[in-house]
């Protein structure tokens, strides 16, 4: 391996810190604003929708900035270094809404801090995954870095989601935010001191036009992100699980049980995924998992939810088959970056990972809309026993829609995505060789410059 154990662990805990912060804000900021600050759901809902739209649109712009900036400290590390300081500070500010201010001031404060927080999280996320592509040119090592990094996502969400409300009720949300932000600050900054960008884009002159058209020119990236966004749009379980537990299973305790099962299985899958990928390849693992997700969803819908134990068993299968496609998202994006560099001569890593973020957020926003409109169409009324029609719709949103979406995703992916591990290994070997040639050429120029001052300028007796 090119990376050291210390370096890899530092990279992993970066995601543990950033996603502990993400879970706190993404999962509980709305609850804090509505139930503790006293802002109406309609106002907060509108602010969140606008923030998501802006965040999704700004992600590709930030990717262009990454690829064009070419900062002294590297391509990605200056951004992760910046985010490791600013993101924890902004997280505390999100939960420090002035209690004695007017409603207008509170809304303006919430809008400003939440919007800036969303933008800063993008600064931490896309460069974080992109950093692995410059730490090593070993395909399997890079996949290991990304897989273990994603493992930290699940671990962070398990810890924060299971404890935040209880702890906040004891010590208050602002103090909890300070604790989580401080932990995030410490964990994220291990990358600053211990992680090294071994490779760069030196010698690769990329124009602004090339970057702006990159997602359309890199067909494999475009095709993959199409399938990824389809999966994100139909991955409704995380949104609808609360309704399913409350109204179909008739017990709120199943919210925690089903979420814990899902996150636990995803965490275990992340630990065993790298050797499975090495044995079978990402393409086969992805297709198999998506087809398995389809079969699981339709089987559960056919069996029904009358037995909660059966539902929990299927939750294990859902977690098993849904985790691999999610874990491999940055791995496929990284492979598409190498494809673009080799086939098109353009390495726009920042744009690629920012576009990945855009696709995921846009798909997630669409998923929220699908659930909301479907429940409204079915006749859902909150806090009352639901009709049989509504219960059927909730069950379908929980089981059928994710399954059918997975099958469509599998079809798109299998038909359009052509990159395999052997292709990437060949491209990385060529890129590594080219990097060595660039470094050697630069060293030669440096040596010549160092030698020049020691030479005396010869006297020209002819005045030429």
Protein backbone atom coordinates (compact mmCIF):
# COMPACT_ATOMS: atom_id res chain seq x y z
CA UNK A 1 0.00 0.00 0.00
CA UNK A 2 1.10 3.56 -0.68
CA UNK A 3 -0.60 4.99 2.42
CA UNK A 4 0.36 4.34 6.04
CA UNK A 5 -1.97 3.00 8.73
CA UNK A 6 -1.84 6.36 10.52
CA UNK A 7 -2.79 8.13 7.31
CA UNK A 8 -5.70 5.82 6.58
CA UNK A 9 -7.11 6.07 10.11
CA UNK A 10 -6.82 9.87 9.95
CA UNK A 11 -8.76 9.82 6.68
CA UNK A 12 -11.49 7.60 8.16
CA UNK A 13 -12.08 9.69 11.28
CA UNK A 14 -12.44 12.81 9.12
CA UNK A 15 -15.75 11.32 7.96
CA UNK A 16 -16.67 10.26 11.48
CA UNK A 17 -16.39 13.88 12.60
CA UNK A 18 -18.06 15.49 9.59
CA UNK A 19 -20.98 13.04 9.59
CA UNK A 20 -21.58 13.34 13.32
CA UNK A 21 -22.09 17.03 12.56
CA UNK A 22 -24.21 16.22 9.50
CA UNK A 23 -26.49 13.89 11.46
CA UNK A 24 -27.04 16.45 14.21
CA UNK A 25 -28.04 19.21 11.78
CA UNK A 26 -29.78 17.19 9.05
CA UNK A 27 -31.81 15.05 11.45
CA UNK A 28 -32.57 17.44 14.31
CA UNK A 29 -32.31 21.08 13.18
CA UNK A 30 -35.94 21.12 12.02
CA UNK A 31 -37.10 19.63 15.32
CA UNK A 32 -35.05 22.24 17.21
CA UNK A 33 -36.43 25.13 15.15
CA UNK A 34 -40.09 24.07 15.43
CA UNK A 35 -40.37 22.54 18.91
CA UNK A 36 -37.77 24.53 20.85
CA UNK A 37 -37.44 27.87 19.04
CA UNK A 38 -41.14 27.99 18.15
CA UNK A 39 -41.03 28.65 14.39
CA UNK A 40 -43.94 27.26 12.38
CA UNK A 41 -43.44 24.12 10.32
CA UNK A 42 -44.51 25.90 7.12
CA UNK A 43 -41.83 28.58 7.50
CA UNK A 44 -39.08 26.09 8.34
CA UNK A 45 -40.21 23.75 5.58
CA UNK A 46 -40.02 26.55 3.02
CA UNK A 47 -36.57 27.59 4.23
CA UNK A 48 -35.30 24.01 4.03
CA UNK A 49 -36.64 23.50 0.50
CA UNK A 50 -35.04 26.73 -0.71
CA UNK A 51 -31.78 25.81 1.02
CA UNK A 52 -31.74 22.38 -0.64
CA UNK A 53 -32.39 23.85 -4.07
CA UNK A 54 -29.62 26.41 -3.66
CA UNK A 55 -27.27 23.81 -2.22
CA UNK A 56 -27.89 21.40 -5.09
CA UNK A 57 -27.31 24.13 -7.69
CA UNK A 58 -24.19 25.49 -5.98
CA UNK A 59 -22.47 22.09 -5.67
CA UNK A 60 -21.34 21.92 -9.33
CA UNK A 61 -20.20 25.56 -9.14
CA UNK A 62 -18.03 24.68 -6.18
CA UNK A 63 -16.62 21.77 -8.15
CA UNK A 64 -15.53 24.18 -10.88
CA UNK A 65 -13.86 26.38 -8.24
CA UNK A 66 -11.92 23.38 -6.90
CA UNK A 67 -10.60 22.42 -10.32
CA UNK A 68 -9.72 25.99 -11.31
CA UNK A 69 -8.25 27.25 -8.03
CA UNK A 70 -5.11 25.04 -8.02
CA UNK A 71 -4.19 26.16 -4.50
CA UNK A 72 -0.68 25.81 -3.14
CA UNK A 73 -1.55 23.15 -0.57
CA UNK A 74 -3.00 20.75 -3.14
CA UNK A 75 -6.24 20.14 -4.99
CA UNK A 76 -8.45 18.93 -2.11
CA UNK A 77 -6.58 19.36 1.19
CA UNK A 78 -6.93 23.17 1.37
CA UNK A 79 -10.69 22.71 1.25
CA UNK A 80 -10.86 19.91 3.84
CA UNK A 81 -8.55 21.97 6.06
CA UNK A 82 -10.88 24.96 5.73
CA UNK A 83 -14.01 22.90 6.36
CA UNK A 84 -12.51 21.24 9.44
CA UNK A 85 -12.49 24.65 11.15
CA UNK A 86 -15.52 26.43 9.71
CA UNK A 87 -18.04 23.56 9.75
CA UNK A 88 -17.86 22.97 13.54
CA UNK A 89 -18.18 26.71 14.20
CA UNK A 90 -21.22 27.03 11.94
CA UNK A 91 -22.79 23.97 13.57
CA UNK A 92 -22.79 25.73 16.93
CA UNK A 93 -24.24 28.87 15.34
CA UNK A 94 -27.10 26.85 13.82
CA UNK A 95 -28.28 25.99 17.35
CA UNK A 96 -27.66 29.45 18.85
CA UNK A 97 -30.85 31.16 17.67
CA UNK A 98 -31.35 34.33 19.78
CA UNK A 99 -34.25 33.49 22.08
CA UNK A 100 -35.30 37.08 22.83
CA UNK A 101 -35.33 38.26 19.20
CA UNK A 102 -38.42 38.94 17.11
CA UNK A 103 -39.83 36.32 14.77
CA UNK A 104 -38.43 38.15 11.75
CA UNK A 105 -34.93 38.29 13.22
CA UNK A 106 -35.10 34.61 14.16
CA UNK A 107 -36.15 33.59 10.66
CA UNK A 108 -33.41 35.70 9.05
CA UNK A 109 -30.84 34.26 11.46
CA UNK A 110 -31.97 30.68 10.79
CA UNK A 111 -31.99 31.20 7.02
CA UNK A 112 -28.51 32.73 7.00
CA UNK A 113 -26.81 30.23 9.31
CA UNK A 114 -28.47 27.15 7.82
CA UNK A 115 -27.76 28.19 4.23
CA UNK A 116 -24.09 28.93 4.97
CA UNK A 117 -23.84 25.65 6.90
CA UNK A 118 -25.19 23.71 3.90
CA UNK A 119 -22.63 25.34 1.60
CA UNK A 120 -19.80 24.61 4.04
CA UNK A 121 -20.82 20.98 4.32
CA UNK A 122 -20.47 20.68 0.54
CA UNK A 123 -16.93 22.07 0.95
CA UNK A 124 -16.19 19.26 3.41
CA UNK A 125 -17.90 16.42 1.53
CA UNK A 126 -16.86 16.51 -2.14
CA UNK A 127 -13.14 17.23 -1.46
CA UNK A 128 -13.17 14.61 1.30
CA UNK A 129 -14.00 11.83 -1.14
CA UNK A 130 -11.84 13.33 -3.86
CA UNK A 131 -8.83 13.30 -1.55
CA UNK A 132 -8.65 9.49 -1.71
CA UNK A 133 -7.97 9.65 -5.46
CA UNK A 134 -4.78 11.64 -4.83
CA UNK A 135 -3.57 9.62 -1.85
CA UNK A 136 -2.94 6.49 -3.93
CA UNK A 137 -3.11 5.17 -7.48
CA UNK A 138 -3.75 1.62 -6.25
CA UNK A 139 -7.33 0.74 -7.23
CA UNK A 140 -8.05 -1.61 -4.34
CA UNK A 141 -6.42 0.70 -1.79
CA UNK A 142 -8.51 3.60 -3.03
CA UNK A 143 -11.69 1.51 -2.79
CA UNK A 144 -10.69 0.52 0.75
CA UNK A 145 -10.23 4.17 1.74
CA UNK A 146 -13.63 5.15 0.38
CA UNK A 147 -15.40 2.12 1.82
CA UNK A 148 -14.00 2.64 5.30
CA UNK A 149 -14.76 6.33 5.02
CA UNK A 150 -18.38 5.50 4.27
CA UNK A 151 -18.35 3.11 7.23
CA UNK A 152 -17.75 6.10 9.46
CA UNK A 153 -20.90 7.69 8.02
CA UNK A 154 -23.06 4.85 9.33
CA UNK A 155 -21.24 4.77 12.67
CA UNK A 156 -21.71 8.51 13.18
CA UNK A 157 -25.41 8.32 12.33
CA UNK A 158 -25.94 5.35 14.68
CA UNK A 159 -24.39 7.20 17.62
CA UNK A 160 -25.98 10.61 17.06
CA UNK A 161 -29.44 9.50 15.92
CA UNK A 162 -29.87 7.14 18.88
CA UNK A 163 -28.78 9.60 21.58
CA UNK A 164 -29.28 13.20 20.46
CA UNK A 165 -32.82 13.83 21.70
CA UNK A 166 -32.29 12.22 25.10
CA UNK A 167 -29.01 14.07 25.68
CA UNK A 168 -30.40 17.40 24.45
CA UNK A 169 -33.34 17.12 26.85
CA UNK A 170 -30.82 16.85 29.68
CA UNK A 171 -28.29 19.53 28.71
CA UNK A 172 -30.02 21.61 25.95
CA UNK A 173 -29.50 21.60 22.19
CA UNK A 174 -26.89 24.41 22.09
CA UNK A 175 -24.64 22.59 24.58
CA UNK A 176 -25.06 19.33 22.65
CA UNK A 177 -24.11 21.22 19.48
CA UNK A 178 -20.93 22.48 21.18
CA UNK A 179 -20.01 18.92 22.24
CA UNK A 180 -20.61 17.39 18.79
CA UNK A 181 -18.90 20.30 17.02
CA UNK A 182 -15.85 20.02 19.28
CA UNK A 183 -15.61 16.29 18.60
CA UNK A 184 -15.96 17.02 14.89
CA UNK A 185 -13.25 19.67 15.05
CA UNK A 186 -10.78 17.25 16.63
CA UNK A 187 -11.60 14.30 14.37
CA UNK A 188 -11.63 16.23 11.09
CA UNK A 189 -8.27 17.87 11.76
CA UNK A 190 -6.38 14.57 11.85
CA UNK A 191 -6.48 14.78 8.06
CA UNK A 192 -4.79 18.19 8.15
CA UNK A 193 -1.68 16.81 9.86
CA UNK A 194 -1.47 13.19 8.71
CA UNK A 195 -2.87 12.83 5.18
CA UNK A 196 -0.76 13.51 2.11
CA UNK A 197 -1.74 14.21 -1.50
CA UNK A 198 0.83 12.07 -3.32
CA UNK A 199 -0.45 12.92 -6.76
CA UNK A 200 -1.62 16.10 -8.40
CA UNK A 201 -2.94 17.52 -11.64
CA UNK A 202 0.41 19.04 -12.55
CA UNK A 203 0.85 19.27 -16.26
CA UNK A 204 -2.89 18.92 -16.92
CA UNK A 205 -4.13 22.27 -18.22
CA UNK A 206 -7.91 22.26 -17.96
CA UNK A 207 -9.87 25.18 -19.38
CA UNK A 208 -13.00 26.63 -17.83
CA UNK A 209 -15.02 25.49 -20.85
CA UNK A 210 -13.78 21.92 -20.42
CA UNK A 211 -14.79 21.93 -16.77
CA UNK A 212 -18.23 23.44 -17.40
CA UNK A 213 -19.02 20.82 -20.06
CA UNK A 214 -17.28 17.99 -18.22
CA UNK A 215 -20.38 16.14 -16.92
CA UNK A 216 -21.79 16.02 -20.48
CA UNK A 217 -18.47 15.08 -22.08
CA UNK A 218 -17.70 12.31 -19.60
CA UNK A 219 -20.44 9.93 -20.73
CA UNK A 220 -19.65 7.24 -18.18
CA UNK A 221 -19.96 9.75 -15.33
CA UNK A 222 -23.23 11.02 -16.80
CA UNK A 223 -24.63 7.50 -17.19
CA UNK A 224 -23.60 6.46 -13.71
CA UNK A 225 -25.03 9.56 -12.04
CA UNK A 226 -28.29 9.03 -13.95
CA UNK A 227 -28.61 5.61 -12.35
CA UNK A 228 -27.51 6.94 -8.95
CA UNK A 229 -30.10 9.73 -9.03
CA UNK A 230 -32.80 7.21 -9.99
CA UNK A 231 -31.89 5.15 -6.95
CA UNK A 232 -31.84 8.24 -4.71
CA UNK A 233 -35.27 9.35 -5.95
CA UNK A 234 -36.86 6.01 -5.08
CA UNK A 235 -34.95 5.23 -1.87
CA UNK A 236 -37.88 6.23 0.32
CA UNK A 237 -37.48 4.00 3.37
CA UNK A 238 -35.57 6.51 5.47
CA UNK A 239 -38.34 9.05 4.90
CA UNK A 240 -41.40 6.82 5.24
CA UNK A 241 -40.19 4.48 8.02
CA UNK A 242 -41.71 6.71 10.73
CA UNK A 243 -45.15 6.57 9.10
CA UNK A 244 -44.83 2.81 8.52
CA UNK A 245 -43.94 2.16 12.18
CA UNK A 246 -46.58 4.49 13.63
CA UNK A 247 -49.55 3.56 11.47
CA UNK A 248 -48.90 0.15 9.90
CA UNK A 249 -47.02 -1.52 12.78
CA UNK A 250 -48.87 0.67 15.31
CA UNK A 251 -45.87 1.09 17.61
CA UNK A 252 -43.39 4.01 17.53
CA UNK A 253 -40.65 1.83 19.02
CA UNK A 254 -40.25 0.22 15.59
CA UNK A 255 -38.91 3.51 14.24
CA UNK A 256 -35.76 3.05 16.30
CA UNK A 257 -35.67 -0.73 15.79
CA UNK A 258 -35.91 -0.57 11.99
CA UNK A 259 -33.43 2.32 11.73
CA UNK A 260 -30.97 0.56 14.05
CA UNK A 261 -31.21 -2.67 12.05
CA UNK A 262 -30.68 -0.82 8.77
CA UNK A 263 -27.71 1.22 9.98
CA UNK A 264 -26.18 -1.77 11.78
CA UNK A 265 -26.31 -3.98 8.69
CA UNK A 266 -24.92 -1.17 6.54
CA UNK A 267 -22.04 -0.76 8.98
CA UNK A 268 -21.23 -4.48 8.85
CA UNK A 269 -21.52 -4.50 5.06
CA UNK A 270 -19.06 -1.64 4.83
CA UNK A 271 -16.51 -3.68 6.77
CA UNK A 272 -16.71 -6.73 4.48
CA UNK A 273 -17.26 -4.93 1.18
CA UNK A 274 -13.61 -4.33 0.06
CA UNK A 275 -12.68 -8.04 -0.21
CA UNK A 276 -15.99 -8.76 -1.96
CA UNK A 277 -15.25 -6.02 -4.49
CA UNK A 278 -11.74 -7.37 -4.98
CA UNK A 279 -13.16 -10.84 -5.67
CA UNK A 280 -16.12 -10.00 -7.91
CA UNK A 281 -15.68 -6.37 -9.02
CA UNK A 282 -17.89 -3.35 -8.34
CA UNK A 283 -20.07 -3.82 -11.44
CA UNK A 284 -21.25 -7.31 -10.47
CA UNK A 285 -21.69 -6.41 -6.80
CA UNK A 286 -23.79 -3.37 -7.72
CA UNK A 287 -26.10 -5.22 -10.12
CA UNK A 288 -26.53 -8.17 -7.74
CA UNK A 289 -27.36 -5.85 -4.83
CA UNK A 290 -29.91 -3.86 -6.82
CA UNK A 291 -31.68 -6.99 -8.06
CA UNK A 292 -31.64 -8.34 -4.50
CA UNK A 293 -33.22 -5.10 -3.28
CA UNK A 294 -35.97 -5.46 -5.88
CA UNK A 295 -36.69 -9.06 -4.85
CA UNK A 296 -36.72 -8.11 -1.16
CA UNK A 297 -39.18 -5.25 -1.62
CA UNK A 298 -41.68 -7.20 -3.68
CA UNK A 299 -41.43 -10.27 -1.44
CA UNK A 300 -42.21 -8.21 1.66
CA UNK A 301 -45.17 -6.57 -0.06
CA UNK A 302 -46.51 -10.00 -1.05
CA UNK A 303 -46.10 -11.42 2.48
CA UNK A 304 -47.43 -8.38 4.32
CA UNK A 305 -46.55 -6.66 7.59
CA UNK A 306 -48.85 -8.42 10.07
CA UNK A 307 -45.86 -10.08 11.77
CA UNK A 308 -43.33 -7.47 13.02
CA UNK A 309 -40.61 -10.13 13.33
CA UNK A 310 -40.91 -10.84 9.60
CA UNK A 311 -40.67 -7.11 8.93
CA UNK A 312 -37.46 -6.95 10.98
CA UNK A 313 -35.99 -9.89 9.06
CA UNK A 314 -36.72 -8.09 5.81
CA UNK A 315 -35.17 -4.93 7.29
CA UNK A 316 -31.93 -6.92 7.54
CA UNK A 317 -32.21 -7.84 3.85
CA UNK A 318 -33.05 -4.25 2.89
CA UNK A 319 -29.97 -3.03 4.77
CA UNK A 320 -27.79 -5.71 3.20
CA UNK A 321 -28.79 -5.05 -0.41
CA UNK A 322 -29.12 -1.26 -0.19
CA UNK A 323 -25.78 -0.59 1.51
CA UNK A 324 -23.37 -1.77 -1.21
CA UNK A 325 -24.72 0.56 -3.95
CA UNK A 326 -24.57 3.49 -1.52
CA UNK A 327 -21.07 2.64 -0.32
CA UNK A 328 -19.72 2.35 -3.86
CA UNK A 329 -21.00 5.72 -5.10
CA UNK A 330 -17.68 7.60 -4.62
CA UNK A 331 -15.76 4.58 -5.97
CA UNK A 332 -17.67 4.68 -9.25
CA UNK A 333 -17.25 8.46 -9.45
CA UNK A 334 -13.50 8.07 -8.94
CA UNK A 335 -13.37 5.49 -11.75
CA UNK A 336 -15.24 7.91 -14.01
CA UNK A 337 -12.62 10.58 -13.23
CA UNK A 338 -9.91 8.22 -14.51
CA UNK A 339 -12.02 7.48 -17.58
CA UNK A 340 -12.32 11.20 -18.32
CA UNK A 341 -8.59 11.74 -17.84
CA UNK A 342 -7.64 8.86 -20.14
CA UNK A 343 -10.33 9.11 -22.83
CA UNK A 344 -10.91 12.89 -22.91
CA UNK A 345 -7.67 14.26 -21.47
CA UNK A 346 -9.55 16.15 -18.73
CA UNK A 347 -9.15 15.38 -15.02
CA UNK A 348 -11.84 17.42 -13.29
CA UNK A 349 -12.04 15.58 -9.96
CA UNK A 350 -13.65 18.44 -8.07
CA UNK A 351 -16.38 18.86 -10.67
CA UNK A 352 -17.02 15.10 -10.74
CA UNK A 353 -17.47 14.73 -6.98
CA UNK A 354 -19.47 17.95 -6.70
CA UNK A 355 -21.77 16.70 -9.47
CA UNK A 356 -22.15 13.47 -7.49
CA UNK A 357 -23.22 15.57 -4.49
CA UNK A 358 -25.65 17.47 -6.72
CA UNK A 359 -27.22 14.24 -8.04
CA UNK A 360 -27.61 12.82 -4.54
CA UNK A 361 -29.19 15.96 -3.12
CA UNK A 362 -31.50 16.43 -6.08
CA UNK A 363 -32.58 12.80 -5.84
CA UNK A 364 -33.14 13.16 -2.09
CA UNK A 365 -35.26 16.27 -2.60
CA UNK A 366 -37.33 14.42 -5.22
CA UNK A 367 -37.79 11.50 -2.81
CA UNK A 368 -39.18 13.84 -0.16
CA UNK A 369 -41.60 15.26 -2.71
CA UNK A 370 -42.71 11.79 -3.84
CA UNK A 371 -43.57 10.78 -0.27
CA UNK A 372 -45.37 14.04 0.50
CA UNK A 373 -47.48 14.04 -2.68
CA UNK A 374 -48.24 10.31 -2.47
CA UNK A 375 -49.49 10.60 1.10
CA UNK A 376 -51.59 13.63 0.22
CA UNK A 377 -53.08 11.80 -2.78
CA UNK A 378 -53.87 8.77 -0.62
CA UNK A 379 -55.75 10.95 1.89
CA UNK A 380 -53.31 10.90 4.79
CA UNK A 381 -54.40 12.83 7.89
CA UNK A 382 -51.78 13.21 10.66
CA UNK A 383 -52.28 11.93 14.21
CA UNK A 384 -55.40 9.85 13.49
CA UNK A 385 -55.91 6.16 12.56
CA UNK A 386 -55.42 5.83 8.80
CA UNK A 387 -57.75 4.24 6.26
CA UNK A 388 -56.88 0.97 4.56
CA UNK A 389 -56.01 2.86 1.38
CA UNK A 390 -53.51 5.09 3.18
CA UNK A 391 -51.93 2.09 4.93
CA UNK A 392 -51.50 0.35 1.57
CA UNK A 393 -49.86 3.44 0.10
CA UNK A 394 -47.49 3.75 3.05
CA UNK A 395 -46.55 0.07 2.73
CA UNK A 396 -45.99 0.46 -1.02
CA UNK A 397 -43.77 3.49 -0.46
CA UNK A 398 -41.77 1.49 2.08
CA UNK A 399 -41.39 -1.75 0.09
CA UNK A 400 -42.45 -1.54 -3.56
CA UNK A 401 -41.15 1.84 -4.73
CA UNK A 402 -37.57 1.26 -3.47
CA UNK A 403 -37.62 -2.21 -5.05
CA UNK A 404 -38.89 -1.05 -8.43
CA UNK A 405 -36.49 1.90 -8.35
CA UNK A 406 -33.62 -0.51 -7.68
CA UNK A 407 -34.62 -2.66 -10.67
CA UNK A 408 -34.77 0.38 -12.97
CA UNK A 409 -31.40 1.51 -11.61
CA UNK A 410 -29.92 -1.95 -12.25
CA UNK A 411 -31.20 -1.87 -15.83
CA UNK A 412 -29.77 1.58 -16.55
CA UNK A 413 -26.46 0.73 -14.91
CA UNK A 414 -26.01 -2.66 -16.60
CA UNK A 415 -26.91 -1.23 -20.01
CA UNK A 416 -24.90 2.00 -19.96
CA UNK A 417 -21.97 1.67 -17.54
CA UNK A 418 -18.97 0.01 -19.20
CA UNK A 419 -15.99 0.65 -16.88
CA UNK A 420 -14.37 -2.34 -15.16
CA UNK A 421 -11.54 -2.68 -12.63
CA UNK A 422 -9.00 -3.79 -15.25
CA UNK A 423 -9.69 -0.63 -17.26
CA UNK A 424 -9.12 1.59 -14.24
CA UNK A 425 -5.94 -0.24 -13.23
CA UNK A 426 -4.51 0.38 -16.69
CA UNK A 427 -5.43 4.06 -16.66
CA UNK A 428 -4.01 4.54 -13.17
CA UNK A 429 -0.73 2.89 -14.18
CA UNK A 430 -0.43 5.29 -17.12
CA UNK A 431 -1.36 8.28 -14.91
CA UNK A 432 1.25 7.27 -12.34
CA UNK A 433 3.91 6.98 -15.05
CA UNK A 434 2.97 10.38 -16.48
CA UNK A 435 3.14 11.91 -12.99
CA UNK A 436 6.64 10.54 -12.52
CA UNK A 437 7.71 12.02 -15.86
CA UNK A 438 6.29 15.43 -14.89
CA UNK A 439 8.04 15.31 -11.52
CA UNK A 440 11.33 14.31 -13.18
CA UNK A 441 11.04 17.14 -15.70
CA UNK A 442 10.32 19.66 -12.94
CA UNK A 443 13.25 18.39 -10.93
CA UNK A 444 15.49 18.83 -13.96
CA UNK A 445 14.36 22.41 -14.43
CA UNK A 446 14.91 23.09 -10.72
CA UNK A 447 18.43 21.64 -10.88
CA UNK A 448 19.28 23.86 -13.85
CA UNK A 449 17.97 26.96 -12.07
CA UNK A 450 20.04 26.14 -9.01
CA UNK A 451 23.14 25.76 -11.17
CA UNK A 452 22.77 29.09 -13.00
CA UNK A 453 23.93 31.49 -10.20
CA UNK A 454 27.26 29.67 -9.89
CA UNK A 455 28.16 30.42 -13.51
CA UNK A 456 29.88 33.66 -14.47
CA UNK A 457 28.57 35.45 -17.51
CA UNK A 458 31.29 35.30 -20.21
CA UNK A 459 32.79 38.58 -21.47
CA UNK A 460 31.57 39.42 -24.95
CA UNK A 461 34.47 41.17 -26.72
CA UNK A 462 32.48 41.62 -29.94
CA UNK A 463 29.58 43.57 -28.38
CA UNK A 464 26.95 41.13 -29.73
